[in-house]
Protein backbone atom coordinates (compact mmCIF):
# COMPACT_ATOMS: atom_id res chain seq x y z
CA UNK A 1 -13.87 -4.91 22.86
CA UNK A 2 -13.90 -1.30 24.01
CA UNK A 3 -12.57 0.16 27.18
CA UNK A 4 -13.88 -1.14 30.49
CA UNK A 5 -14.74 1.47 33.11
CA UNK A 6 -15.85 0.75 36.66
CA UNK A 7 -17.97 3.55 38.12
CA UNK A 8 -17.34 3.31 41.83
CA UNK A 9 -17.67 5.00 45.20
CA UNK A 10 -15.74 2.13 46.81
CA UNK A 11 -18.88 0.82 48.52
CA UNK A 12 -19.01 -2.89 49.46
CA UNK A 13 -20.55 -3.90 46.10
CA UNK A 14 -17.97 -1.76 44.28
CA UNK A 15 -15.22 -3.63 46.11
CA UNK A 16 -16.75 -6.96 45.08
CA UNK A 17 -16.66 -5.96 41.40
CA UNK A 18 -13.09 -4.67 41.74
CA UNK A 19 -12.03 -7.98 43.29
CA UNK A 20 -13.81 -10.03 40.61
CA UNK A 21 -12.27 -7.97 37.78
CA UNK A 22 -8.80 -8.36 39.30
CA UNK A 23 -9.27 -12.10 39.86
CA UNK A 24 -10.10 -12.55 36.17
CA UNK A 25 -7.19 -10.36 35.08
CA UNK A 26 -9.55 -7.94 33.33
CA UNK A 27 -7.96 -4.54 32.74
CA UNK A 28 -10.21 -1.61 33.65
CA UNK A 29 -10.13 1.99 34.72
CA UNK A 30 -12.02 3.44 37.67
CA UNK A 31 -14.20 6.52 37.58
CA UNK A 32 -14.97 8.06 40.96
CA UNK A 33 -16.38 11.32 39.57
CA UNK A 34 -20.04 11.49 40.62
CA UNK A 35 -20.68 14.34 38.15
CA UNK A 36 -19.63 12.05 35.28
CA UNK A 37 -21.84 9.29 36.70
CA UNK A 38 -24.83 11.65 36.78
CA UNK A 39 -24.12 12.76 33.18
CA UNK A 40 -24.24 9.10 32.13
CA UNK A 41 -27.59 8.73 33.90
CA UNK A 42 -26.31 6.32 36.55
CA UNK A 43 -28.56 6.15 39.58
CA UNK A 44 -26.57 3.60 41.54
CA UNK A 45 -23.08 2.16 41.72
CA UNK A 46 -21.25 0.08 40.97
CA UNK A 47 -21.75 0.16 37.23
CA UNK A 48 -19.47 -1.39 34.65
CA UNK A 49 -19.15 0.12 31.20
CA UNK A 50 -18.04 -2.36 28.54
CA UNK A 51 -17.64 -0.50 25.27
CA UNK A 52 -20.88 1.46 24.92
CA UNK A 53 -22.93 -0.79 27.22
CA UNK A 54 -23.36 0.02 30.91
CA UNK A 55 -24.08 -2.92 33.20
CA UNK A 56 -25.59 -2.78 36.67
CA UNK A 57 -24.06 -4.88 39.47
CA UNK A 58 -25.95 -8.10 38.69
CA UNK A 59 -25.26 -7.97 34.96
CA UNK A 60 -21.63 -6.94 35.56
CA UNK A 61 -21.07 -9.98 37.81
CA UNK A 62 -22.60 -12.23 35.15
CA UNK A 63 -20.41 -10.66 32.45
CA UNK A 64 -17.25 -11.05 34.57
CA UNK A 65 -18.10 -14.65 35.49
CA UNK A 66 -18.51 -15.48 31.80
CA UNK A 67 -15.00 -14.25 30.95
CA UNK A 68 -12.07 -16.64 30.85
CA UNK A 69 -9.36 -16.05 33.43
CA UNK A 70 -6.34 -14.44 31.81
């Protein structure tokens, strides 16, 4: 699996994803750079990049929930 990047502005939904990732023990990096987010074509946050795939909030929650706790 590739790197996991959370694109965040620390909004309430961003905090939910951060909490869920931490609860599952999933290692990730945060990107707070809105210029980078625009370059990637993101129109809303949070977004979770898993390898080459970028997931919106709903799909990111589903992905996290499907991971075993480490």
